[in-house]
């Protein structure tokens, strides 16, 4: 059995809610686009920040349905566990292991989607980027929860979790800047 610190539970709750809201907004926008192919999503801001151009690609429905539906389900689990943890419920270790595995798969999927957005689709979805920003801190919190007291490689991973998150952010921001630098520099 494993308790979670209130701080970690709050990070899970806030991150889970933000991810759920972004996934829900994307789903609503996608259904509006299904109903009206001429609809311009609210998150289509300019040629680069354009979820409308991202939503119509094969990558936006990898498993045959819109990807944000995965986010709605996954972030609902995160929010539920966070609320229960804040209420003092103690979970068995396998629950945290399942959440960690789900977050790890989310990071892998997000990494693939980042590559697709930057180098295949050539556009960025603002709501998707919210999910990109949230998934790594969720993985960091669950890594600490699961292996914070471990020794060896997993314990080291838990100790360096926030540095890894910062490096992930820096690399993604650098890749975004480099990929679209002509556009960004034309705005100055």
N, C-alpha and C. Protein backbone atom coordinates (compact mmCIF):
# COMPACT_ATOMS: atom_id res chain seq x y z
N UNK A 1 0.85 -1.18 0.00
CA UNK A 1 0.00 0.00 0.00
C UNK A 1 0.89 1.24 0.00
N UNK A 2 0.41 2.26 -0.68
CA UNK A 2 1.27 3.42 -0.86
C UNK A 2 0.45 4.71 -0.76
N UNK A 3 0.90 5.60 0.13
CA UNK A 3 0.25 6.91 0.22
C UNK A 3 0.96 7.87 -0.71
N UNK A 4 0.26 8.92 -1.06
CA UNK A 4 0.83 9.92 -1.95
C UNK A 4 0.83 11.25 -1.20
N UNK A 5 1.85 12.05 -1.42
CA UNK A 5 1.90 13.35 -0.77
C UNK A 5 0.80 14.25 -1.33
N UNK A 6 0.29 15.17 -0.52
CA UNK A 6 -0.73 16.09 -1.04
C UNK A 6 -0.23 16.89 -2.25
N UNK A 7 1.03 17.28 -2.23
CA UNK A 7 1.59 18.05 -3.35
C UNK A 7 1.52 17.23 -4.64
N UNK A 8 1.93 15.97 -4.57
CA UNK A 8 1.88 15.11 -5.75
C UNK A 8 0.44 14.90 -6.21
N UNK A 9 -0.47 14.72 -5.27
CA UNK A 9 -1.88 14.53 -5.62
C UNK A 9 -2.43 15.78 -6.31
N UNK A 10 -2.03 16.96 -5.82
CA UNK A 10 -2.48 18.20 -6.47
C UNK A 10 -1.92 18.34 -7.89
N UNK A 11 -0.65 17.96 -8.07
CA UNK A 11 -0.07 18.00 -9.42
C UNK A 11 -0.86 17.07 -10.35
N UNK A 12 -1.17 15.87 -9.86
CA UNK A 12 -1.96 14.94 -10.65
C UNK A 12 -3.34 15.51 -10.96
N UNK A 13 -3.97 16.13 -9.96
CA UNK A 13 -5.32 16.67 -10.15
C UNK A 13 -5.32 17.83 -11.15
N UNK A 14 -4.44 18.78 -10.96
CA UNK A 14 -4.40 19.94 -11.85
C UNK A 14 -3.99 19.53 -13.26
N UNK A 15 -2.96 18.69 -13.36
CA UNK A 15 -2.53 18.21 -14.67
C UNK A 15 -3.61 17.38 -15.35
N UNK A 16 -4.25 16.50 -14.57
CA UNK A 16 -5.32 15.68 -15.13
C UNK A 16 -6.49 16.51 -15.62
N UNK A 17 -6.86 17.52 -14.83
CA UNK A 17 -7.97 18.40 -15.25
C UNK A 17 -7.62 19.19 -16.50
N UNK A 18 -6.40 19.74 -16.55
CA UNK A 18 -5.98 20.50 -17.73
C UNK A 18 -5.95 19.61 -18.96
N UNK A 19 -5.43 18.40 -18.82
CA UNK A 19 -5.40 17.46 -19.94
C UNK A 19 -6.80 17.06 -20.37
N UNK A 20 -7.67 16.82 -19.39
CA UNK A 20 -9.05 16.44 -19.70
C UNK A 20 -9.77 17.56 -20.44
N UNK A 21 -9.58 18.80 -19.98
CA UNK A 21 -10.23 19.95 -20.63
C UNK A 21 -9.72 20.09 -22.08
N UNK A 22 -8.40 19.96 -22.27
CA UNK A 22 -7.84 20.07 -23.62
C UNK A 22 -8.36 18.95 -24.51
N UNK A 23 -8.43 17.73 -23.99
CA UNK A 23 -8.93 16.60 -24.78
C UNK A 23 -10.41 16.79 -25.10
N UNK A 24 -11.17 17.28 -24.14
CA UNK A 24 -12.59 17.52 -24.37
C UNK A 24 -12.79 18.62 -25.43
N UNK A 25 -12.02 19.70 -25.32
CA UNK A 25 -12.13 20.78 -26.31
C UNK A 25 -11.78 20.28 -27.71
N UNK A 26 -10.73 19.47 -27.81
CA UNK A 26 -10.35 18.90 -29.11
C UNK A 26 -11.45 17.99 -29.65
N UNK A 27 -12.05 17.21 -28.79
CA UNK A 27 -13.12 16.31 -29.22
C UNK A 27 -14.32 17.09 -29.73
N UNK A 28 -14.69 18.12 -29.00
CA UNK A 28 -15.82 18.96 -29.43
C UNK A 28 -15.51 19.61 -30.78
N UNK A 29 -14.31 20.16 -30.91
CA UNK A 29 -13.91 20.78 -32.17
C UNK A 29 -13.91 19.76 -33.31
N UNK A 30 -13.45 18.55 -33.01
CA UNK A 30 -13.42 17.50 -34.04
C UNK A 30 -14.84 17.13 -34.48
N UNK A 31 -15.77 17.01 -33.54
CA UNK A 31 -17.15 16.69 -33.90
C UNK A 31 -17.79 17.81 -34.71
N UNK A 32 -17.46 19.05 -34.38
CA UNK A 32 -17.96 20.17 -35.18
C UNK A 32 -17.43 20.09 -36.60
N UNK A 33 -16.17 19.68 -36.73
CA UNK A 33 -15.56 19.53 -38.05
C UNK A 33 -16.17 18.35 -38.82
N UNK A 34 -16.54 17.29 -38.10
CA UNK A 34 -17.25 16.17 -38.73
C UNK A 34 -18.58 16.63 -39.32
N UNK A 35 -19.30 17.45 -38.55
CA UNK A 35 -20.63 17.90 -38.97
C UNK A 35 -20.57 18.94 -40.08
N UNK A 36 -19.52 19.77 -40.07
CA UNK A 36 -19.38 20.82 -41.07
C UNK A 36 -17.93 20.88 -41.54
N UNK A 37 -17.62 20.29 -42.68
CA UNK A 37 -16.24 20.26 -43.18
C UNK A 37 -15.64 21.65 -43.40
N UNK A 38 -16.48 22.68 -43.48
CA UNK A 38 -15.99 24.04 -43.67
C UNK A 38 -15.77 24.78 -42.35
N UNK A 39 -16.05 24.10 -41.24
CA UNK A 39 -15.88 24.71 -39.92
C UNK A 39 -14.40 25.00 -39.66
N UNK A 40 -14.12 26.17 -39.10
CA UNK A 40 -12.76 26.52 -38.70
C UNK A 40 -12.68 26.43 -37.18
N UNK A 41 -11.91 25.47 -36.66
CA UNK A 41 -11.80 25.30 -35.22
C UNK A 41 -11.26 26.55 -34.52
N UNK A 42 -11.68 26.74 -33.29
CA UNK A 42 -11.26 27.91 -32.52
C UNK A 42 -9.76 27.93 -32.28
N UNK A 43 -9.13 26.78 -32.36
CA UNK A 43 -7.69 26.69 -32.10
C UNK A 43 -6.87 26.82 -33.38
N UNK A 44 -7.50 27.17 -34.48
CA UNK A 44 -6.77 27.45 -35.72
C UNK A 44 -6.49 28.95 -35.76
N UNK A 45 -5.29 29.31 -35.33
CA UNK A 45 -4.93 30.71 -35.10
C UNK A 45 -4.19 31.31 -36.29
N UNK A 46 -3.26 30.54 -36.85
CA UNK A 46 -2.45 31.01 -37.98
C UNK A 46 -1.96 29.77 -38.75
N UNK A 47 -1.13 29.93 -39.76
CA UNK A 47 -0.72 28.75 -40.53
C UNK A 47 0.04 27.69 -39.72
N UNK A 48 0.70 28.09 -38.67
CA UNK A 48 1.48 27.15 -37.85
C UNK A 48 0.64 26.61 -36.70
N UNK A 49 0.00 27.48 -35.95
CA UNK A 49 -0.86 27.07 -34.84
C UNK A 49 -2.26 26.83 -35.39
N UNK A 50 -2.49 25.60 -35.84
CA UNK A 50 -3.72 25.30 -36.56
C UNK A 50 -4.15 23.87 -36.29
N UNK A 51 -5.03 23.71 -35.31
CA UNK A 51 -5.46 22.34 -35.03
C UNK A 51 -6.39 21.82 -36.11
N UNK A 52 -7.01 22.72 -36.88
CA UNK A 52 -7.86 22.27 -37.97
C UNK A 52 -7.08 21.45 -38.99
N UNK A 53 -5.85 21.89 -39.32
CA UNK A 53 -5.06 21.12 -40.27
C UNK A 53 -4.53 19.83 -39.66
N UNK A 54 -4.39 19.80 -38.35
CA UNK A 54 -3.92 18.58 -37.68
C UNK A 54 -5.06 17.57 -37.58
N UNK A 55 -6.27 18.04 -37.27
CA UNK A 55 -7.41 17.15 -37.03
C UNK A 55 -7.81 16.31 -38.24
N UNK A 56 -7.54 16.79 -39.43
CA UNK A 56 -7.99 16.07 -40.63
C UNK A 56 -6.97 15.04 -41.12
N UNK A 57 -5.87 14.86 -40.41
CA UNK A 57 -4.84 13.91 -40.83
C UNK A 57 -5.11 12.52 -40.28
N UNK A 58 -4.46 11.54 -40.88
CA UNK A 58 -4.55 10.16 -40.38
C UNK A 58 -3.98 10.04 -38.98
N UNK A 59 -2.96 10.85 -38.68
CA UNK A 59 -2.32 10.79 -37.37
C UNK A 59 -3.27 11.22 -36.24
N UNK A 60 -4.32 11.96 -36.55
CA UNK A 60 -5.25 12.45 -35.54
C UNK A 60 -6.25 11.38 -35.10
N UNK A 61 -6.22 10.23 -35.78
CA UNK A 61 -7.11 9.12 -35.41
C UNK A 61 -6.36 7.81 -35.64
N UNK A 62 -5.29 7.64 -34.92
CA UNK A 62 -4.38 6.52 -35.13
C UNK A 62 -5.09 5.17 -34.98
N UNK A 63 -6.00 5.07 -34.03
CA UNK A 63 -6.68 3.80 -33.76
C UNK A 63 -8.07 3.72 -34.37
N UNK A 64 -8.36 4.64 -35.30
CA UNK A 64 -9.65 4.61 -35.97
C UNK A 64 -10.70 5.53 -35.38
N UNK A 65 -10.37 6.20 -34.30
CA UNK A 65 -11.24 7.19 -33.67
C UNK A 65 -10.36 8.37 -33.26
N UNK A 66 -10.95 9.54 -33.03
CA UNK A 66 -10.13 10.71 -32.69
C UNK A 66 -9.25 10.47 -31.44
N UNK A 67 -7.98 10.78 -31.56
CA UNK A 67 -7.03 10.60 -30.46
C UNK A 67 -7.48 11.24 -29.15
N UNK A 68 -8.15 12.41 -29.17
CA UNK A 68 -8.53 13.02 -27.90
C UNK A 68 -9.45 12.16 -27.03
N UNK A 69 -10.13 11.20 -27.64
CA UNK A 69 -10.96 10.30 -26.83
C UNK A 69 -10.10 9.48 -25.87
N UNK A 70 -8.88 9.16 -26.30
CA UNK A 70 -7.93 8.48 -25.41
C UNK A 70 -7.62 9.39 -24.22
N UNK A 71 -7.42 10.68 -24.52
CA UNK A 71 -7.13 11.65 -23.47
C UNK A 71 -8.28 11.81 -22.49
N UNK A 72 -9.50 11.84 -22.99
CA UNK A 72 -10.65 11.98 -22.09
C UNK A 72 -10.68 10.82 -21.10
N UNK A 73 -10.49 9.61 -21.59
CA UNK A 73 -10.51 8.44 -20.71
C UNK A 73 -9.30 8.45 -19.77
N UNK A 74 -8.11 8.63 -20.34
CA UNK A 74 -6.89 8.58 -19.53
C UNK A 74 -6.84 9.66 -18.47
N UNK A 75 -7.16 10.89 -18.84
CA UNK A 75 -7.13 11.97 -17.86
C UNK A 75 -8.25 11.84 -16.82
N UNK A 76 -9.35 11.20 -17.18
CA UNK A 76 -10.40 10.93 -16.19
C UNK A 76 -9.88 10.00 -15.11
N UNK A 77 -9.08 9.02 -15.50
CA UNK A 77 -8.48 8.11 -14.52
C UNK A 77 -7.53 8.88 -13.61
N UNK A 78 -6.70 9.75 -14.20
CA UNK A 78 -5.75 10.53 -13.41
C UNK A 78 -6.50 11.41 -12.41
N UNK A 79 -7.54 12.10 -12.86
CA UNK A 79 -8.31 12.99 -11.97
C UNK A 79 -8.97 12.17 -10.86
N UNK A 80 -9.55 11.04 -11.19
CA UNK A 80 -10.21 10.21 -10.18
C UNK A 80 -9.22 9.75 -9.12
N UNK A 81 -8.06 9.25 -9.54
CA UNK A 81 -7.06 8.80 -8.57
C UNK A 81 -6.54 9.97 -7.74
N UNK A 82 -6.38 11.13 -8.35
CA UNK A 82 -5.89 12.30 -7.62
C UNK A 82 -6.89 12.73 -6.55
N UNK A 83 -8.16 12.77 -6.91
CA UNK A 83 -9.20 13.16 -5.93
C UNK A 83 -9.24 12.16 -4.78
N UNK A 84 -9.18 10.88 -5.11
CA UNK A 84 -9.19 9.86 -4.05
C UNK A 84 -7.94 9.96 -3.17
N UNK A 85 -6.80 10.24 -3.79
CA UNK A 85 -5.56 10.40 -3.01
C UNK A 85 -5.67 11.60 -2.08
N UNK A 86 -6.25 12.70 -2.58
CA UNK A 86 -6.43 13.88 -1.72
C UNK A 86 -7.40 13.59 -0.57
N UNK A 87 -8.33 12.66 -0.80
CA UNK A 87 -9.28 12.29 0.25
C UNK A 87 -8.67 11.30 1.24
N UNK A 88 -7.43 10.90 0.99
CA UNK A 88 -6.74 10.03 1.93
C UNK A 88 -6.80 8.55 1.61
N UNK A 89 -7.33 8.21 0.45
CA UNK A 89 -7.37 6.79 0.06
C UNK A 89 -5.95 6.32 -0.23
N UNK A 90 -5.62 5.17 0.29
CA UNK A 90 -4.31 4.57 0.07
C UNK A 90 -4.47 3.47 -0.98
N UNK A 91 -3.67 3.56 -2.03
CA UNK A 91 -3.77 2.61 -3.13
C UNK A 91 -2.68 1.55 -3.04
N UNK A 92 -3.00 0.35 -3.53
CA UNK A 92 -1.93 -0.66 -3.65
C UNK A 92 -0.92 -0.21 -4.71
N UNK A 93 0.27 -0.72 -4.60
CA UNK A 93 1.36 -0.32 -5.50
C UNK A 93 1.01 -0.58 -6.97
N UNK A 94 0.24 -1.61 -7.24
CA UNK A 94 -0.07 -1.94 -8.64
C UNK A 94 -0.92 -0.85 -9.30
N UNK A 95 -1.70 -0.12 -8.51
CA UNK A 95 -2.48 1.01 -9.07
C UNK A 95 -1.51 2.06 -9.60
N UNK A 96 -0.50 2.40 -8.78
CA UNK A 96 0.49 3.39 -9.21
C UNK A 96 1.30 2.86 -10.39
N UNK A 97 1.56 1.55 -10.38
CA UNK A 97 2.26 0.95 -11.51
C UNK A 97 1.46 1.05 -12.79
N UNK A 98 0.16 0.84 -12.69
CA UNK A 98 -0.70 0.98 -13.86
C UNK A 98 -0.76 2.41 -14.36
N UNK A 99 -0.85 3.37 -13.42
CA UNK A 99 -0.86 4.78 -13.80
C UNK A 99 0.47 5.18 -14.42
N UNK A 100 1.57 4.68 -13.86
CA UNK A 100 2.89 4.97 -14.42
C UNK A 100 3.00 4.41 -15.83
N UNK A 101 2.55 3.17 -16.04
CA UNK A 101 2.62 2.57 -17.37
C UNK A 101 1.76 3.35 -18.36
N UNK A 102 0.56 3.76 -17.94
CA UNK A 102 -0.29 4.57 -18.81
C UNK A 102 0.36 5.88 -19.17
N UNK A 103 1.00 6.53 -18.20
CA UNK A 103 1.71 7.79 -18.48
C UNK A 103 2.90 7.57 -19.39
N UNK A 104 3.63 6.48 -19.17
CA UNK A 104 4.78 6.17 -20.03
C UNK A 104 4.32 5.95 -21.47
N UNK A 105 3.26 5.18 -21.65
CA UNK A 105 2.72 4.98 -23.00
C UNK A 105 2.25 6.31 -23.58
N UNK A 106 1.68 7.17 -22.73
CA UNK A 106 1.27 8.50 -23.19
C UNK A 106 2.45 9.32 -23.67
N UNK A 107 3.57 9.27 -22.95
CA UNK A 107 4.77 10.02 -23.36
C UNK A 107 5.29 9.49 -24.70
N UNK A 108 5.30 8.18 -24.86
CA UNK A 108 5.76 7.60 -26.12
C UNK A 108 4.84 8.04 -27.27
N UNK A 109 3.53 7.97 -27.04
CA UNK A 109 2.56 8.37 -28.06
C UNK A 109 2.70 9.85 -28.38
N UNK A 110 2.86 10.67 -27.35
CA UNK A 110 3.03 12.12 -27.54
C UNK A 110 4.32 12.40 -28.31
N UNK A 111 5.38 11.67 -28.01
CA UNK A 111 6.63 11.85 -28.75
C UNK A 111 6.44 11.59 -30.23
N UNK A 112 5.71 10.53 -30.55
CA UNK A 112 5.42 10.23 -31.94
C UNK A 112 4.56 11.33 -32.57
N UNK A 113 3.56 11.81 -31.82
CA UNK A 113 2.70 12.87 -32.34
C UNK A 113 3.46 14.18 -32.53
N UNK A 114 4.40 14.47 -31.65
CA UNK A 114 5.23 15.67 -31.81
C UNK A 114 6.02 15.58 -33.11
N UNK A 115 6.64 14.43 -33.34
CA UNK A 115 7.38 14.23 -34.59
C UNK A 115 6.46 14.41 -35.79
N UNK A 116 5.28 13.81 -35.74
CA UNK A 116 4.33 13.91 -36.85
C UNK A 116 3.91 15.36 -37.08
N UNK A 117 3.62 16.08 -36.00
CA UNK A 117 3.21 17.49 -36.13
C UNK A 117 4.30 18.34 -36.75
N UNK A 118 5.52 18.13 -36.30
CA UNK A 118 6.62 18.96 -36.77
C UNK A 118 7.08 18.63 -38.18
N UNK A 119 7.17 17.35 -38.50
CA UNK A 119 7.86 16.96 -39.73
C UNK A 119 6.98 16.31 -40.79
N UNK A 120 5.75 16.00 -40.46
CA UNK A 120 4.85 15.42 -41.46
C UNK A 120 3.65 16.32 -41.72
N UNK A 121 3.01 16.78 -40.66
CA UNK A 121 1.81 17.61 -40.79
C UNK A 121 2.18 19.07 -41.01
N UNK A 122 3.29 19.51 -40.42
CA UNK A 122 3.78 20.88 -40.54
C UNK A 122 2.83 21.90 -39.91
N UNK A 123 2.24 21.52 -38.80
CA UNK A 123 1.36 22.44 -38.05
C UNK A 123 1.33 21.98 -36.61
N UNK A 124 1.00 22.91 -35.73
CA UNK A 124 0.91 22.62 -34.30
C UNK A 124 -0.51 22.86 -33.82
N UNK A 125 -1.00 21.94 -33.02
CA UNK A 125 -2.33 22.06 -32.44
C UNK A 125 -2.17 22.58 -31.01
N UNK A 126 -2.68 23.79 -30.70
CA UNK A 126 -2.52 24.35 -29.36
C UNK A 126 -3.07 23.45 -28.24
N UNK A 127 -4.24 22.85 -28.46
CA UNK A 127 -4.78 21.96 -27.42
C UNK A 127 -3.90 20.72 -27.26
N UNK A 128 -3.38 20.22 -28.36
CA UNK A 128 -2.47 19.07 -28.29
C UNK A 128 -1.22 19.43 -27.50
N UNK A 129 -0.75 20.65 -27.70
CA UNK A 129 0.46 21.09 -27.01
C UNK A 129 0.24 21.19 -25.51
N UNK A 130 -0.98 21.47 -25.09
CA UNK A 130 -1.31 21.43 -23.66
C UNK A 130 -1.08 20.02 -23.13
N UNK A 131 -1.56 19.03 -23.87
CA UNK A 131 -1.37 17.63 -23.47
C UNK A 131 0.12 17.28 -23.48
N UNK A 132 0.85 17.75 -24.51
CA UNK A 132 2.29 17.50 -24.55
C UNK A 132 2.95 18.02 -23.27
N UNK A 133 2.53 19.20 -22.83
CA UNK A 133 3.15 19.82 -21.66
C UNK A 133 2.78 19.13 -20.36
N UNK A 134 1.65 18.48 -20.32
CA UNK A 134 1.15 17.90 -19.08
C UNK A 134 1.64 16.48 -18.84
N UNK A 135 1.79 15.71 -19.90
CA UNK A 135 2.03 14.28 -19.73
C UNK A 135 3.36 14.00 -19.03
N UNK A 136 4.40 14.78 -19.29
CA UNK A 136 5.69 14.49 -18.65
C UNK A 136 5.69 14.78 -17.15
N UNK A 137 5.08 15.87 -16.66
CA UNK A 137 5.00 16.03 -15.21
C UNK A 137 4.17 14.93 -14.54
N UNK A 138 3.13 14.46 -15.22
CA UNK A 138 2.35 13.35 -14.66
C UNK A 138 3.22 12.10 -14.54
N UNK A 139 4.04 11.86 -15.56
CA UNK A 139 4.96 10.72 -15.49
C UNK A 139 5.98 10.93 -14.38
N UNK A 140 6.46 12.16 -14.20
CA UNK A 140 7.43 12.44 -13.13
C UNK A 140 6.84 12.16 -11.76
N UNK A 141 5.61 12.58 -11.55
CA UNK A 141 4.97 12.37 -10.24
C UNK A 141 4.76 10.88 -9.99
N UNK A 142 4.29 10.15 -11.00
CA UNK A 142 4.06 8.72 -10.78
C UNK A 142 5.38 7.96 -10.65
N UNK A 143 6.44 8.44 -11.32
CA UNK A 143 7.76 7.83 -11.16
C UNK A 143 8.24 7.97 -9.73
N UNK A 144 8.07 9.15 -9.16
CA UNK A 144 8.45 9.38 -7.76
C UNK A 144 7.61 8.51 -6.83
N UNK A 145 6.33 8.44 -7.11
CA UNK A 145 5.44 7.65 -6.27
C UNK A 145 5.84 6.18 -6.27
N UNK A 146 6.20 5.70 -7.43
CA UNK A 146 6.49 4.28 -7.58
C UNK A 146 7.91 3.92 -7.16
N UNK A 147 8.88 4.76 -7.51
CA UNK A 147 10.27 4.40 -7.30
C UNK A 147 11.09 5.43 -6.53
N UNK A 148 10.45 6.35 -5.85
CA UNK A 148 11.17 7.39 -5.12
C UNK A 148 12.07 6.87 -4.03
N UNK A 149 11.75 5.72 -3.47
CA UNK A 149 12.57 5.16 -2.38
C UNK A 149 13.49 4.04 -2.86
N UNK A 150 13.48 3.78 -4.16
CA UNK A 150 14.28 2.69 -4.72
C UNK A 150 15.74 3.10 -4.88
N UNK A 151 16.58 2.11 -4.93
CA UNK A 151 17.98 2.34 -5.28
C UNK A 151 18.19 1.75 -6.66
N UNK A 152 19.25 2.12 -7.28
CA UNK A 152 19.51 1.61 -8.63
C UNK A 152 18.96 2.55 -9.69
N UNK A 153 18.86 2.06 -10.91
CA UNK A 153 18.47 2.91 -12.04
C UNK A 153 17.11 3.60 -11.87
N UNK A 154 16.13 2.88 -11.34
CA UNK A 154 14.79 3.47 -11.19
C UNK A 154 14.77 4.54 -10.10
N UNK A 155 15.55 4.34 -9.06
CA UNK A 155 15.68 5.37 -8.03
C UNK A 155 16.37 6.62 -8.56
N UNK A 156 17.38 6.42 -9.40
CA UNK A 156 18.08 7.55 -10.03
C UNK A 156 17.13 8.29 -10.96
N UNK A 157 16.34 7.54 -11.71
CA UNK A 157 15.34 8.14 -12.58
C UNK A 157 14.37 9.00 -11.77
N UNK A 158 13.94 8.48 -10.62
CA UNK A 158 13.03 9.24 -9.75
C UNK A 158 13.69 10.51 -9.22
N UNK A 159 14.98 10.43 -8.87
CA UNK A 159 15.68 11.60 -8.36
C UNK A 159 15.83 12.69 -9.41
N UNK A 160 16.02 12.30 -10.65
CA UNK A 160 16.27 13.26 -11.73
C UNK A 160 15.02 13.58 -12.54
N UNK A 161 13.86 13.22 -12.04
CA UNK A 161 12.62 13.33 -12.82
C UNK A 161 12.34 14.75 -13.30
N UNK A 162 12.53 15.75 -12.46
CA UNK A 162 12.20 17.13 -12.88
C UNK A 162 13.23 17.67 -13.87
N UNK A 163 14.46 17.22 -13.74
CA UNK A 163 15.47 17.60 -14.73
C UNK A 163 15.11 17.01 -16.09
N UNK A 164 14.65 15.77 -16.08
CA UNK A 164 14.24 15.11 -17.32
C UNK A 164 13.05 15.85 -17.95
N UNK A 165 12.11 16.28 -17.12
CA UNK A 165 10.96 17.05 -17.62
C UNK A 165 11.45 18.36 -18.25
N UNK A 166 12.36 19.05 -17.57
CA UNK A 166 12.89 20.32 -18.09
C UNK A 166 13.63 20.11 -19.42
N UNK A 167 14.39 19.04 -19.52
CA UNK A 167 15.10 18.74 -20.77
C UNK A 167 14.10 18.43 -21.87
N UNK A 168 13.05 17.67 -21.55
CA UNK A 168 12.00 17.38 -22.53
C UNK A 168 11.40 18.68 -23.06
N UNK A 169 11.02 19.59 -22.16
CA UNK A 169 10.46 20.88 -22.58
C UNK A 169 11.44 21.65 -23.46
N UNK A 170 12.70 21.71 -23.04
CA UNK A 170 13.70 22.47 -23.80
C UNK A 170 13.88 21.89 -25.19
N UNK A 171 13.94 20.57 -25.30
CA UNK A 171 14.13 19.93 -26.61
C UNK A 171 12.91 20.20 -27.50
N UNK A 172 11.71 20.04 -26.96
CA UNK A 172 10.50 20.27 -27.77
C UNK A 172 10.43 21.72 -28.22
N UNK A 173 10.69 22.66 -27.31
CA UNK A 173 10.66 24.08 -27.70
C UNK A 173 11.72 24.40 -28.76
N UNK A 174 12.89 23.82 -28.61
CA UNK A 174 13.95 24.03 -29.60
C UNK A 174 13.54 23.45 -30.96
N UNK A 175 12.99 22.26 -30.95
CA UNK A 175 12.54 21.65 -32.21
C UNK A 175 11.44 22.48 -32.87
N UNK A 176 10.51 22.99 -32.07
CA UNK A 176 9.44 23.84 -32.61
C UNK A 176 10.04 25.11 -33.21
N UNK A 177 10.95 25.73 -32.48
CA UNK A 177 11.57 26.95 -32.99
C UNK A 177 12.31 26.67 -34.30
N UNK A 178 13.15 25.63 -34.29
CA UNK A 178 13.95 25.33 -35.48
C UNK A 178 13.08 24.95 -36.68
N UNK A 179 12.05 24.18 -36.44
CA UNK A 179 11.19 23.73 -37.54
C UNK A 179 10.45 24.89 -38.20
N UNK A 180 10.00 25.84 -37.39
CA UNK A 180 9.21 26.94 -37.91
C UNK A 180 9.90 28.29 -37.75
N UNK A 181 11.23 28.29 -37.71
CA UNK A 181 11.96 29.53 -37.43
C UNK A 181 11.70 30.61 -38.48
N UNK A 182 11.52 30.25 -39.72
CA UNK A 182 11.23 31.27 -40.74
C UNK A 182 9.94 32.01 -40.40
N UNK A 183 8.93 31.26 -39.98
CA UNK A 183 7.66 31.90 -39.62
C UNK A 183 7.82 32.76 -38.37
N UNK A 184 8.44 32.21 -37.31
CA UNK A 184 8.59 32.96 -36.07
C UNK A 184 9.38 34.25 -36.30
N UNK A 185 10.45 34.15 -37.07
CA UNK A 185 11.29 35.33 -37.30
C UNK A 185 10.59 36.35 -38.19
N UNK A 186 9.64 35.91 -39.01
CA UNK A 186 8.90 36.87 -39.84
C UNK A 186 7.93 37.71 -39.01
N UNK A 187 7.64 37.27 -37.80
CA UNK A 187 6.72 38.00 -36.92
C UNK A 187 7.39 39.17 -36.21
N UNK A 188 8.73 39.17 -36.20
CA UNK A 188 9.46 40.20 -35.45
C UNK A 188 9.55 41.49 -36.25
